[in-house]
N, C-alpha and C. Protein backbone atom coordinates (compact mmCIF):
# COMPACT_ATOMS: atom_id res chain seq x y z
N MET A 1 9.09 -50.07 -4.27
CA MET A 1 9.32 -50.01 -2.64
C MET A 1 8.35 -49.42 -2.60
N PRO A 2 7.58 -49.91 -1.36
CA PRO A 2 6.20 -49.42 -0.54
C PRO A 2 6.58 -48.04 0.16
N ALA A 3 5.76 -47.01 -0.19
CA ALA A 3 5.83 -45.84 0.32
C ALA A 3 5.79 -46.24 2.13
N THR A 4 6.51 -45.29 2.85
CA THR A 4 6.09 -45.28 4.15
C THR A 4 5.49 -43.82 4.94
N PRO A 5 5.01 -43.86 6.14
CA PRO A 5 4.31 -42.62 6.74
C PRO A 5 5.26 -41.87 7.06
N LEU A 6 6.43 -41.90 7.37
CA LEU A 6 7.23 -40.90 7.23
C LEU A 6 8.37 -40.10 6.00
N ALA A 7 7.60 -40.72 4.95
CA ALA A 7 8.19 -40.34 3.67
C ALA A 7 7.06 -39.42 3.39
N GLY A 8 5.89 -40.17 3.61
CA GLY A 8 4.84 -39.02 3.55
C GLY A 8 4.67 -37.63 4.21
N CYS A 9 5.28 -37.65 5.07
CA CYS A 9 4.87 -36.60 6.56
C CYS A 9 6.58 -35.81 6.11
N ALA A 10 7.29 -36.34 5.59
CA ALA A 10 8.39 -35.03 5.38
C ALA A 10 8.29 -34.36 4.14
N ALA A 11 7.51 -34.91 2.95
CA ALA A 11 6.80 -34.62 2.05
C ALA A 11 5.75 -33.44 1.96
N TRP A 12 4.98 -33.87 2.95
CA TRP A 12 3.42 -32.40 3.51
C TRP A 12 4.76 -31.50 4.07
N PHE A 13 5.51 -31.89 5.02
CA PHE A 13 6.17 -30.71 5.68
C PHE A 13 7.17 -29.63 4.56
N ALA A 14 7.57 -30.74 3.36
CA ALA A 14 8.56 -29.72 2.61
C ALA A 14 7.36 -28.37 1.94
N ILE A 15 6.12 -29.47 0.97
CA ILE A 15 5.54 -27.94 1.28
C ILE A 15 4.88 -27.28 1.84
N GLY A 16 4.81 -27.20 3.22
CA GLY A 16 4.18 -26.53 4.03
C GLY A 16 5.20 -25.47 4.16
N ILE A 17 7.20 -26.15 4.14
CA ILE A 17 7.91 -25.04 3.94
C ILE A 17 8.25 -24.10 3.39
N ALA A 18 7.54 -24.79 1.93
CA ALA A 18 7.84 -23.89 0.92
C ALA A 18 6.54 -22.74 0.61
N LEU A 19 5.72 -23.39 1.51
CA LEU A 19 4.51 -22.31 1.12
C LEU A 19 4.58 -21.38 2.05
N SER A 20 5.01 -21.19 3.33
CA SER A 20 5.47 -20.80 4.17
C SER A 20 5.96 -19.40 3.89
N ILE A 21 6.98 -19.31 3.10
CA ILE A 21 8.59 -18.70 2.76
C ILE A 21 7.52 -18.49 1.16
N ALA A 22 7.08 -18.64 0.34
CA ALA A 22 6.40 -18.00 -0.87
C ALA A 22 6.34 -16.77 -0.69
N PRO A 23 5.93 -15.74 -1.44
CA PRO A 23 5.15 -14.44 -1.44
C PRO A 23 3.96 -14.34 -0.96
N ALA A 24 2.84 -13.37 -0.07
CA ALA A 24 1.84 -13.84 -0.18
C ALA A 24 0.90 -13.57 -1.27
N SER A 25 1.77 -12.60 -2.31
CA SER A 25 0.82 -12.36 -3.49
C SER A 25 1.71 -12.40 -4.83
N ALA A 26 1.39 -12.07 -5.97
CA ALA A 26 2.60 -11.40 -6.53
C ALA A 26 3.13 -9.50 -6.13
N SER A 27 2.09 -9.17 -6.09
CA SER A 27 2.28 -7.49 -5.47
C SER A 27 2.59 -7.43 -4.48
N GLU A 28 2.59 -8.42 -3.39
CA GLU A 28 4.29 -8.27 -2.54
C GLU A 28 5.57 -8.88 -2.83
N ASP A 29 5.50 -9.27 -3.94
CA ASP A 29 6.50 -9.77 -4.37
C ASP A 29 7.50 -8.49 -5.06
N ALA A 30 6.39 -7.91 -5.97
CA ALA A 30 7.12 -6.84 -6.53
C ALA A 30 7.53 -5.62 -5.83
N GLY A 31 6.54 -5.62 -4.20
CA GLY A 31 7.04 -4.43 -3.46
C GLY A 31 8.17 -5.16 -2.74
N ARG A 32 8.25 -6.14 -2.61
CA ARG A 32 10.00 -6.74 -2.16
C ARG A 32 10.55 -6.41 -3.15
N CYS A 33 11.06 -6.82 -4.63
CA CYS A 33 12.15 -6.36 -5.55
C CYS A 33 11.95 -4.78 -5.31
N GLN A 34 10.66 -4.04 -4.96
CA GLN A 34 11.44 -2.44 -5.45
C GLN A 34 11.99 -2.09 -4.28
N PHE A 35 11.58 -2.63 -3.01
CA PHE A 35 12.32 -2.13 -1.86
C PHE A 35 13.40 -2.68 -2.00
N MET A 36 14.20 -4.01 -2.44
CA MET A 36 15.19 -4.07 -2.11
C MET A 36 16.08 -3.43 -3.34
N VAL A 37 15.61 -2.73 -4.33
CA VAL A 37 16.34 -2.53 -5.62
C VAL A 37 16.43 -0.68 -4.92
N SER A 38 15.13 0.15 -4.04
CA SER A 38 15.06 1.67 -4.20
C SER A 38 16.00 1.67 -2.84
N CYS A 39 15.46 0.56 -1.60
CA CYS A 39 15.78 0.63 -0.21
C CYS A 39 16.71 -0.25 0.01
N GLY A 40 17.10 -1.33 -0.08
CA GLY A 40 18.03 -2.67 0.49
C GLY A 40 19.05 -2.59 0.45
N THR A 41 19.91 -1.00 -0.61
CA THR A 41 21.17 -1.09 -0.47
C THR A 41 21.50 -0.03 1.46
N CYS A 42 20.60 0.40 1.60
CA CYS A 42 20.96 1.18 3.07
C CYS A 42 19.96 0.70 4.57
N HIS A 43 18.98 0.03 3.65
CA HIS A 43 18.34 -0.47 4.69
C HIS A 43 17.98 -2.08 4.65
N THR A 44 17.60 -3.14 5.62
CA THR A 44 16.70 -4.09 5.66
C THR A 44 15.75 -3.97 6.19
N ALA A 45 15.65 -5.41 5.92
CA ALA A 45 13.49 -5.62 6.32
C ALA A 45 13.44 -6.69 7.23
N GLU A 46 13.86 -7.78 7.58
CA GLU A 46 13.75 -8.77 7.57
C GLU A 46 13.77 -8.72 9.10
N ALA A 47 13.52 -9.56 10.08
CA ALA A 47 13.15 -9.80 11.45
C ALA A 47 14.91 -9.77 12.48
N GLY A 48 15.19 -8.61 13.16
CA GLY A 48 16.56 -9.62 13.37
C GLY A 48 17.60 -9.34 12.93
N ALA A 49 17.32 -8.86 11.68
CA ALA A 49 18.82 -8.42 10.81
C ALA A 49 19.39 -7.14 10.85
N LEU A 50 20.58 -7.20 11.28
CA LEU A 50 21.31 -5.88 12.01
C LEU A 50 20.99 -4.68 10.62
N HIS A 51 21.59 -3.34 11.51
CA HIS A 51 21.22 -2.44 10.52
C HIS A 51 22.17 -2.02 9.72
N ARG A 52 21.89 -0.90 8.58
CA ARG A 52 23.21 -0.83 7.53
C ARG A 52 22.95 1.10 8.19
N GLN A 53 23.66 1.50 6.78
CA GLN A 53 23.17 2.42 7.17
C GLN A 53 22.28 3.55 7.71
N GLY A 54 21.16 2.86 7.20
CA GLY A 54 19.67 3.19 7.56
C GLY A 54 19.42 1.90 8.60
N PRO A 55 18.70 2.40 9.50
CA PRO A 55 18.02 1.00 10.17
C PRO A 55 16.62 -0.11 9.66
N ASN A 56 17.28 -1.19 10.46
CA ASN A 56 16.39 -1.96 9.81
C ASN A 56 14.69 -2.21 9.70
N LEU A 57 14.14 -1.91 9.00
CA LEU A 57 12.80 -1.46 8.76
C LEU A 57 11.56 -2.39 8.94
N HIS A 58 11.92 -3.41 9.72
CA HIS A 58 10.94 -4.73 9.69
C HIS A 58 10.24 -4.02 11.12
N GLY A 59 8.62 -3.98 10.57
CA GLY A 59 7.69 -3.48 11.64
C GLY A 59 7.89 -2.59 12.21
N ASN A 60 8.07 -1.39 11.78
CA ASN A 60 8.33 0.43 12.02
C ASN A 60 7.18 0.82 11.43
N PHE A 61 6.64 0.36 10.36
CA PHE A 61 5.30 0.77 9.65
C PHE A 61 3.76 0.69 10.96
N GLY A 62 3.62 2.26 10.81
CA GLY A 62 2.96 2.33 11.87
C GLY A 62 2.69 2.85 13.24
N ARG A 63 4.74 2.56 13.56
CA ARG A 63 5.08 3.66 14.86
C ARG A 63 5.79 4.68 14.33
N LYS A 64 5.78 5.37 15.73
CA LYS A 64 6.59 6.64 15.61
C LYS A 64 7.73 7.28 16.05
N SER A 65 8.66 7.95 15.06
CA SER A 65 10.01 8.02 14.27
C SER A 65 10.82 7.63 16.13
N GLY A 66 11.80 7.45 15.12
CA GLY A 66 12.56 7.37 16.35
C GLY A 66 12.66 5.85 17.30
N GLN A 67 11.76 5.23 17.25
CA GLN A 67 11.47 4.20 17.71
C GLN A 67 12.57 2.39 17.74
N VAL A 68 13.52 2.95 16.43
CA VAL A 68 14.11 1.93 16.39
C VAL A 68 15.35 1.32 17.18
N ALA A 69 15.57 0.50 17.81
CA ALA A 69 16.48 0.03 19.29
C ALA A 69 17.85 -0.11 18.37
N ASN A 70 19.10 0.51 18.95
CA ASN A 70 20.12 0.54 18.95
C ASN A 70 20.41 1.04 17.51
N PHE A 71 19.99 2.30 17.28
CA PHE A 71 20.56 2.92 16.06
C PHE A 71 20.48 4.50 16.06
N LYS A 72 21.11 4.86 15.87
CA LYS A 72 21.87 6.18 16.10
C LYS A 72 20.75 7.12 15.20
N ARG A 73 20.18 7.84 15.32
CA ARG A 73 19.41 8.74 14.74
C ARG A 73 19.83 10.59 14.56
N SER A 74 19.15 10.85 14.11
CA SER A 74 19.48 12.42 13.95
C SER A 74 18.70 13.01 14.68
N ASP A 75 18.61 14.58 15.31
CA ASP A 75 17.75 14.91 15.84
C ASP A 75 16.09 15.09 15.27
N ALA A 76 16.33 15.33 13.79
CA ALA A 76 15.09 15.42 12.95
C ALA A 76 13.87 14.09 13.58
N PHE A 77 14.97 13.17 14.04
CA PHE A 77 13.78 12.00 14.09
C PHE A 77 12.59 12.16 15.42
N ALA A 78 13.47 12.77 16.30
CA ALA A 78 13.27 13.27 18.02
C ALA A 78 11.26 13.77 17.90
N ASN A 79 10.98 14.07 16.34
CA ASN A 79 9.23 14.54 16.60
C ASN A 79 8.61 13.30 16.77
N PRO A 80 8.00 13.48 18.35
CA PRO A 80 6.95 12.35 18.83
C PRO A 80 5.65 12.55 18.26
N ASN A 81 5.29 13.55 17.10
CA ASN A 81 3.98 13.30 16.23
C ASN A 81 4.32 12.50 15.01
N LEU A 82 5.88 12.09 14.70
CA LEU A 82 5.52 11.42 13.51
C LEU A 82 5.23 10.08 13.52
N VAL A 83 4.44 9.52 12.28
CA VAL A 83 4.09 8.50 12.58
C VAL A 83 4.34 7.87 11.37
N TRP A 84 4.75 6.35 11.11
CA TRP A 84 5.35 5.88 9.50
C TRP A 84 4.08 5.34 9.44
N ASP A 85 3.45 6.03 8.54
CA ASP A 85 2.20 5.47 7.94
C ASP A 85 2.39 5.93 6.11
N GLU A 86 0.95 5.33 6.05
CA GLU A 86 1.48 5.68 4.38
C GLU A 86 1.73 6.85 3.74
N PRO A 87 1.07 7.70 4.57
CA PRO A 87 1.45 9.11 3.58
C PRO A 87 2.55 10.07 4.16
N THR A 88 2.86 9.30 5.21
CA THR A 88 4.06 10.04 5.80
C THR A 88 5.61 9.11 4.99
N LEU A 89 5.09 8.18 4.84
CA LEU A 89 6.42 7.10 3.72
C LEU A 89 6.38 8.28 2.54
N GLU A 90 4.79 8.49 2.04
CA GLU A 90 5.38 8.94 0.73
C GLU A 90 5.32 9.47 0.52
N LYS A 91 5.98 11.00 1.62
CA LYS A 91 6.11 12.07 1.32
C LYS A 91 7.94 11.43 1.50
N ARG A 92 8.52 11.02 2.70
CA ARG A 92 9.59 10.84 2.87
C ARG A 92 10.43 9.77 1.36
N ILE A 93 9.48 9.05 1.09
CA ILE A 93 10.21 8.47 -0.34
C ILE A 93 10.82 8.94 -1.11
N GLU A 94 9.40 9.99 -1.44
CA GLU A 94 9.31 11.26 -3.03
C GLU A 94 10.74 11.96 -2.49
N ASP A 95 10.88 12.50 -1.58
CA ASP A 95 11.90 13.46 -1.28
C ASP A 95 12.13 13.91 0.44
N SER A 96 13.09 12.70 0.88
CA SER A 96 13.96 12.78 1.87
C SER A 96 13.80 13.89 2.58
N GLY A 97 14.74 14.71 1.96
CA GLY A 97 15.81 15.87 2.21
C GLY A 97 14.29 16.79 2.93
N VAL A 98 13.57 16.99 1.72
CA VAL A 98 12.49 18.09 1.74
C VAL A 98 11.75 17.38 3.44
N MET A 99 11.05 16.33 3.66
CA MET A 99 10.40 15.59 4.08
C MET A 99 10.89 15.82 5.62
N LEU A 100 12.13 15.09 5.75
CA LEU A 100 13.13 15.89 6.91
C LEU A 100 14.42 16.21 6.68
N PRO A 101 14.11 17.36 6.54
CA PRO A 101 15.55 18.19 6.74
C PRO A 101 16.49 17.80 7.99
N GLY A 102 17.99 17.67 7.26
CA GLY A 102 18.95 17.81 8.69
C GLY A 102 19.10 16.31 9.03
N THR A 103 18.27 15.25 8.20
CA THR A 103 18.60 13.83 8.45
C THR A 103 20.19 13.14 7.50
N ASN A 104 20.53 12.20 7.16
CA ASN A 104 21.79 11.60 6.41
C ASN A 104 20.90 10.85 5.91
N MET A 105 19.96 10.91 5.16
CA MET A 105 18.90 9.91 4.19
C MET A 105 18.56 11.45 3.05
N ALA A 106 19.81 10.95 2.12
CA ALA A 106 19.12 11.24 0.80
C ALA A 106 18.88 11.20 -0.29
N TYR A 107 17.64 10.46 -0.45
CA TYR A 107 17.20 9.96 -1.75
C TYR A 107 15.92 10.58 -1.93
N ARG A 108 15.83 10.44 -3.25
CA ARG A 108 14.30 10.87 -3.85
C ARG A 108 13.90 9.47 -4.71
N GLN A 109 12.71 9.24 -5.05
CA GLN A 109 11.59 8.15 -5.51
C GLN A 109 10.70 9.47 -6.18
N ARG A 110 11.25 9.85 -7.82
CA ARG A 110 9.99 10.35 -8.21
C ARG A 110 8.82 9.61 -8.82
N ASP A 111 8.97 8.24 -9.17
CA ASP A 111 8.14 7.42 -9.48
C ASP A 111 7.25 6.94 -8.51
N PRO A 112 5.78 7.65 -8.65
CA PRO A 112 4.61 7.06 -7.40
C PRO A 112 4.54 5.57 -8.28
N GLU A 113 4.45 4.84 -8.95
CA GLU A 113 4.36 3.43 -8.80
C GLU A 113 5.30 3.15 -8.06
N LYS A 114 6.49 3.22 -8.28
CA LYS A 114 8.20 2.60 -7.52
C LYS A 114 7.29 3.07 -5.61
N ARG A 115 6.61 3.74 -5.50
CA ARG A 115 6.59 3.90 -3.94
C ARG A 115 5.11 3.19 -3.44
N ARG A 116 3.97 3.64 -4.38
CA ARG A 116 3.27 2.23 -4.40
C ARG A 116 3.55 0.87 -4.00
N LEU A 117 4.10 0.35 -5.04
CA LEU A 117 5.30 -0.60 -4.44
C LEU A 117 5.65 -0.82 -3.52
N ALA A 118 6.53 -0.24 -2.98
CA ALA A 118 7.31 -0.25 -1.75
C ALA A 118 6.39 -0.44 -0.46
N ILE A 119 5.83 0.77 -0.08
CA ILE A 119 5.08 1.02 0.81
C ILE A 119 4.11 -0.23 1.60
N PRO A 120 3.52 -0.75 0.04
CA PRO A 120 2.55 -1.86 1.23
C PRO A 120 3.69 -2.84 1.51
N TYR A 121 4.51 -3.39 0.80
CA TYR A 121 5.80 -3.96 1.32
C TYR A 121 6.01 -3.58 2.66
N LEU A 122 6.28 -2.71 2.94
CA LEU A 122 6.40 -1.96 3.83
C LEU A 122 5.86 -2.51 5.17
N GLU A 123 4.38 -2.01 5.06
CA GLU A 123 3.38 -2.09 6.18
C GLU A 123 3.22 -3.30 6.03
N SER A 124 3.37 -4.63 5.16
CA SER A 124 3.65 -5.98 5.35
C SER A 124 4.27 -6.82 6.45
N LEU A 125 4.94 -5.61 6.85
CA LEU A 125 6.08 -6.04 7.52
C LEU A 125 5.86 -5.77 8.94
N LYS A 126 4.92 -5.71 9.60
CA LYS A 126 4.33 -5.42 10.30
C LYS A 126 4.43 -6.63 11.46
N PRO A 127 4.68 -6.63 12.91
CA PRO A 127 4.73 -7.80 13.92
C PRO A 127 3.69 -8.19 13.72
N GLN A 128 3.15 -9.62 13.97
CA GLN A 128 2.32 -10.32 14.04
C GLN A 128 1.93 -10.49 15.69
N VAL A 129 0.40 -10.33 15.62
CA VAL A 129 0.66 -10.30 17.48
C VAL A 129 -0.78 -11.37 17.22
N TRP A 130 -0.18 -12.57 17.65
CA TRP A 130 -1.13 -13.68 17.95
C TRP A 130 -2.09 -13.80 19.03
N ARG A 131 -3.17 -14.37 19.45
CA ARG A 131 -3.46 -14.24 20.70
C ARG A 131 -4.68 -15.88 20.45
N LEU A 132 -5.34 -15.85 21.53
CA LEU A 132 -6.10 -16.95 21.37
C LEU A 132 -7.67 -16.93 21.29
N LYS A 133 -8.82 -17.30 20.77
CA LYS A 133 -10.16 -16.67 20.29
C LYS A 133 -10.51 -16.16 21.34
N TRP A 134 -10.42 -16.74 22.50
CA TRP A 134 -10.86 -16.05 23.99
C TRP A 134 -10.37 -14.68 24.75
N GLN A 135 -9.50 -14.56 23.91
CA GLN A 135 -8.45 -13.55 24.93
C GLN A 135 -9.21 -11.89 23.88
N LYS A 136 -8.81 -11.14 24.99
CA LYS A 136 -9.17 -9.70 24.58
C LYS A 136 -8.41 -9.02 23.33
N PRO A 137 -8.81 -8.51 21.98
CA PRO A 137 -7.65 -7.98 21.19
C PRO A 137 -6.92 -6.79 21.50
N PHE A 138 -5.68 -7.11 21.02
CA PHE A 138 -4.69 -5.70 21.46
C PHE A 138 -3.85 -5.94 20.26
N THR A 139 -3.30 -4.39 20.16
CA THR A 139 -2.74 -4.56 19.29
C THR A 139 -1.02 -4.12 19.26
N ALA A 140 0.02 -3.90 18.72
CA ALA A 140 1.13 -4.31 19.07
C ALA A 140 1.77 -3.06 19.23
């Protein structure tokens, strides 16, 4: 039976979908796996996912603390100078109670390699800001 243009389009579409959902790299996949093992019980990290015991962390990297919508947080997160960047997350994940006393999160990840996998994964979840070439740059 001769191939039809529709079959060719369907094949390219399937390849495009497969590439779009595949991890960007082995390290991103390892980071996602580490996040799921270490953090996924209490947190989600998908755009639009519901909160669990902890907030959805999608798009939190680089933001000030206490900015997650529809999540009741403790007063410890009211510090306007706390930004979720690599050094802050490193301290928070290493020992959450020491870094921010008075929060509900009781977690310690003493293994620096596991932290080095999870933090770049969280950074990769920053919202994408699309713009046309002629538009001025802006940040989310």
